[in-house]
Protein backbone atom coordinates (compact mmCIF):
# COMPACT_ATOMS: atom_id res chain seq x y z
CA MET A 1 15.85 48.26 47.58
CA HIS A 2 14.08 45.99 45.96
CA GLU A 3 12.96 48.57 43.80
CA VAL A 4 16.22 49.72 42.33
CA MET A 5 17.73 46.96 41.13
CA GLU A 6 15.28 46.30 39.04
CA GLY A 7 15.62 49.50 37.47
CA HIS A 8 19.22 48.56 37.60
CA GLU A 9 18.96 45.52 35.82
CA ALA A 10 16.39 46.60 32.88
CA GLY A 11 18.88 49.73 32.19
CA GLU A 12 22.07 47.19 32.65
CA ASN A 13 19.79 44.69 30.00
CA HIS A 14 19.29 47.57 27.66
CA GLU A 15 22.75 49.64 27.74
CA ASP A 16 24.95 45.75 27.57
CA ASN A 17 22.12 44.45 24.77
CA PRO A 18 21.33 46.53 21.60
CA LEU A 19 19.46 43.61 20.21
CA MET A 20 16.60 44.07 23.04
CA MET A 21 14.07 46.78 21.14
CA PRO A 22 14.12 44.60 18.02
CA VAL A 23 14.39 41.35 19.39
CA ALA A 24 11.41 41.92 21.61
CA VAL A 25 9.19 43.78 18.60
CA THR A 26 10.59 39.81 16.72
CA LEU A 27 8.88 37.96 19.28
CA SER A 28 5.77 40.42 19.92
CA ILE A 29 5.05 39.97 15.79
CA LEU A 30 5.85 35.99 16.07
CA ALA A 31 3.33 35.87 19.07
CA VAL A 32 0.88 37.48 17.40
CA LEU A 33 1.58 34.73 14.12
CA VAL A 34 1.39 32.02 16.39
CA ALA A 35 -2.27 33.01 18.11
CA ILE A 36 -3.57 33.64 14.40
CA ALA A 37 -1.99 29.92 13.34
CA THR A 38 -3.71 28.39 16.62
CA LEU A 39 -6.93 30.31 15.92
CA LEU A 40 -6.90 28.95 12.31
CA GLY A 41 -5.89 25.08 13.41
CA HIS A 42 -8.77 25.43 16.23
CA ARG A 43 -11.97 26.50 13.19
CA ALA A 44 -10.81 23.82 10.69
CA GLY A 45 -11.13 20.96 13.31
CA THR A 46 -14.32 22.43 14.42
CA GLU A 47 -15.19 23.02 10.82
CA GLU A 48 -13.90 19.10 10.09
CA LEU A 49 -15.93 17.76 13.09
CA MET A 50 -18.82 19.54 12.07
CA LEU A 51 -18.50 18.12 8.61
CA GLN A 52 -18.31 14.94 9.44
CA THR A 53 -21.34 14.76 11.16
CA LYS A 54 -23.05 16.35 8.35
CA ALA A 55 -21.55 13.44 6.46
CA THR A 56 -22.57 10.64 9.18
CA ASP A 57 -26.31 12.39 8.86
CA GLN A 58 -26.40 12.17 5.17
CA TRP A 59 -25.19 7.77 5.29
CA ALA A 60 -27.82 7.67 7.79
CA LEU A 61 -30.45 9.11 5.46
CA PHE A 62 -29.13 6.71 2.94
CA GLN A 63 -29.61 3.46 5.97
CA ALA A 64 -32.84 4.88 5.86
CA LYS A 65 -33.31 4.94 2.27
CA ASN A 66 -31.61 1.70 1.24
CA ILE A 67 -34.06 0.09 3.85
CA ARG A 68 -37.06 1.75 2.82
CA LEU A 69 -36.01 1.01 -0.72
CA TYR A 70 -35.28 -2.59 -0.05
CA GLU A 71 -38.81 -2.98 1.64
CA MET A 72 -41.11 -1.77 -1.66
CA GLN A 73 -38.97 -4.14 -3.65
CA SER A 74 -39.78 -6.69 -1.01
CA MET A 75 -43.85 -5.86 -1.05
CA ALA A 76 -43.43 -5.39 -5.38
CA ASP A 77 -41.98 -9.09 -5.67
CA LEU A 78 -44.53 -10.56 -3.21
CA LEU A 79 -47.49 -8.86 -4.93
CA GLY A 80 -45.91 -9.75 -8.56
CA THR A 81 -45.95 -13.84 -7.09
CA LEU A 82 -48.94 -13.97 -5.04
CA GLU A 83 -52.20 -15.12 -7.18
CA PRO A 84 -54.56 -12.06 -5.10
CA ALA A 85 -58.38 -12.28 -5.29
CA ASP A 86 -58.01 -8.82 -7.41
CA LYS A 87 -55.24 -9.19 -9.79
CA GLU A 88 -56.17 -5.14 -10.33
CA LYS A 89 -56.04 -3.95 -7.69
CA ALA A 90 -52.68 -6.16 -7.08
CA SER A 91 -51.30 -5.31 -10.45
CA ALA A 92 -51.99 -1.55 -9.59
CA LEU A 93 -50.20 -1.74 -6.05
CA ARG A 94 -47.24 -3.31 -7.84
CA ASP A 95 -46.95 -0.57 -9.67
CA LYS A 96 -46.57 2.24 -6.78
CA TYR A 97 -44.52 0.26 -4.67
CA LEU A 98 -42.37 -0.25 -8.62
CA SER A 99 -42.80 3.68 -8.38
CA GLU A 100 -41.39 4.32 -4.63
CA VAL A 101 -39.01 1.85 -5.34
CA GLU A 102 -37.45 3.80 -8.13
CA ARG A 103 -37.99 7.06 -6.47
CA TYR A 104 -35.86 6.10 -3.22
CA THR A 105 -32.86 4.43 -5.90
CA LYS A 106 -32.85 7.90 -6.94
CA GLU A 107 -33.20 9.82 -2.79
CA LYS A 108 -29.97 7.19 -1.92
CA GLU A 109 -27.87 7.66 -4.91
CA GLU A 110 -28.65 11.33 -4.23
CA ALA A 111 -27.98 10.62 -0.40
CA THR A 112 -24.32 9.11 -1.35
CA GLN A 113 -23.23 11.52 -3.59
CA GLU A 114 -24.06 14.46 -0.68
CA ALA A 115 -22.44 12.80 1.90
CA LYS A 116 -19.04 12.10 -0.43
CA SER A 117 -18.85 15.89 -0.78
CA LEU A 118 -18.82 16.17 3.28
CA GLU A 119 -16.01 13.86 2.88
CA ALA A 120 -14.10 15.54 0.87
CA GLU A 121 -14.64 18.87 2.40
CA ARG A 122 -13.62 17.34 5.74
CA ASP A 123 -10.85 15.68 4.50
CA LEU A 124 -9.94 19.17 2.89
CA MET A 125 -10.30 20.57 6.70
CA GLY A 126 -8.19 18.40 8.21
CA LYS A 127 -5.44 19.18 5.74
CA ARG A 128 -5.77 22.38 6.64
CA GLU A 129 -5.65 21.67 10.28
CA ASP A 130 -2.42 19.99 10.00
CA ARG A 131 -0.82 22.67 8.21
CA TYR A 132 -2.12 25.29 10.48
CA ASP A 133 -0.84 22.86 13.10
CA ALA A 134 2.36 22.49 11.79
CA GLY A 135 2.82 26.25 10.95
CA GLU A 136 2.04 27.01 14.64
CA VAL A 137 4.75 24.51 16.00
CA ILE A 138 7.34 25.98 13.74
CA LEU A 139 6.41 28.95 14.99
CA GLU A 140 7.15 28.85 19.10
CA ILE A 141 9.77 27.02 18.17
CA ALA A 142 10.80 30.90 16.22
CA LEU A 143 9.87 32.57 18.99
CA ILE A 144 11.86 30.20 22.21
CA VAL A 145 14.54 30.10 18.99
CA CYS A 146 14.40 34.09 19.03
CA SER A 147 14.21 35.16 22.66
CA LEU A 148 18.08 32.82 22.99
CA THR A 149 19.23 35.95 21.56
CA LEU A 150 18.17 37.81 24.97
CA LEU A 151 19.81 35.04 26.88
CA THR A 152 23.31 34.73 24.86
CA LYS A 153 23.56 38.63 22.96
CA LYS A 154 24.34 36.82 19.62
CA ARG A 155 22.61 37.99 16.82
CA ILE A 156 22.48 34.53 14.89
CA PHE A 157 20.09 33.60 17.28
CA TRP A 158 17.93 36.34 16.24
CA PHE A 159 18.17 35.50 12.54
CA SER A 160 17.31 31.74 12.99
CA GLY A 161 14.50 33.08 14.74
CA MET A 162 12.87 34.90 11.70
CA MET A 163 13.65 32.48 9.37
CA LEU A 164 11.46 29.90 11.21
CA GLY A 165 8.60 32.75 11.84
CA LEU A 166 9.00 33.27 7.53
CA VAL A 167 8.99 29.25 7.08
CA GLY A 168 6.16 28.91 9.98
CA LEU A 169 4.28 31.84 8.23
CA VAL A 170 4.63 30.04 4.78
CA VAL A 171 3.54 26.28 6.01
CA THR A 172 0.43 28.08 8.28
CA LEU A 173 -0.82 30.29 5.09
CA SER A 174 -0.38 27.59 2.76
CA GLY A 175 -2.96 25.82 4.45
CA HIS A 176 -5.07 28.58 2.91
CA LEU A 177 -4.28 27.50 -0.61
CA LEU A 178 -4.96 23.34 -0.41
CA ARG A 179 -8.28 23.05 -2.13
């Protein structure tokens, strides 16, 4: 008896609602678009976290270079103010420390530039993730609105769902346009 009722309900819905097939296809397309937007959002979020980790590593390198720089500056200053027994050796050692100061200053600046570059990339990924997430939400709402067509048999929900789906698609695609 249960099988007869299921068959009767399926046949009745299809005959009574000519929108069943086009709405079902639209729902399927929207579901695929939601999955794509979700995947893009997750990947952008993961990339954002990886870039944050790399930027943090660069700032740690910057700090290490900065510490070494101050050590070298202190040693050079110390050698310049003391009265050593061997002035030539002290002068050579001081010059060595001063050359290290120059090297660490340059490396510190390079680490700063790299960290800032990684942070800029991270910020871009964050903005993309926001767009993908917004697109995903709009597409999910479009799915719900479109599915109301099957319950109400009113085309307005189908058209509204398709329009929202188009908006969601545009918002999702706009994530790729961010530079």
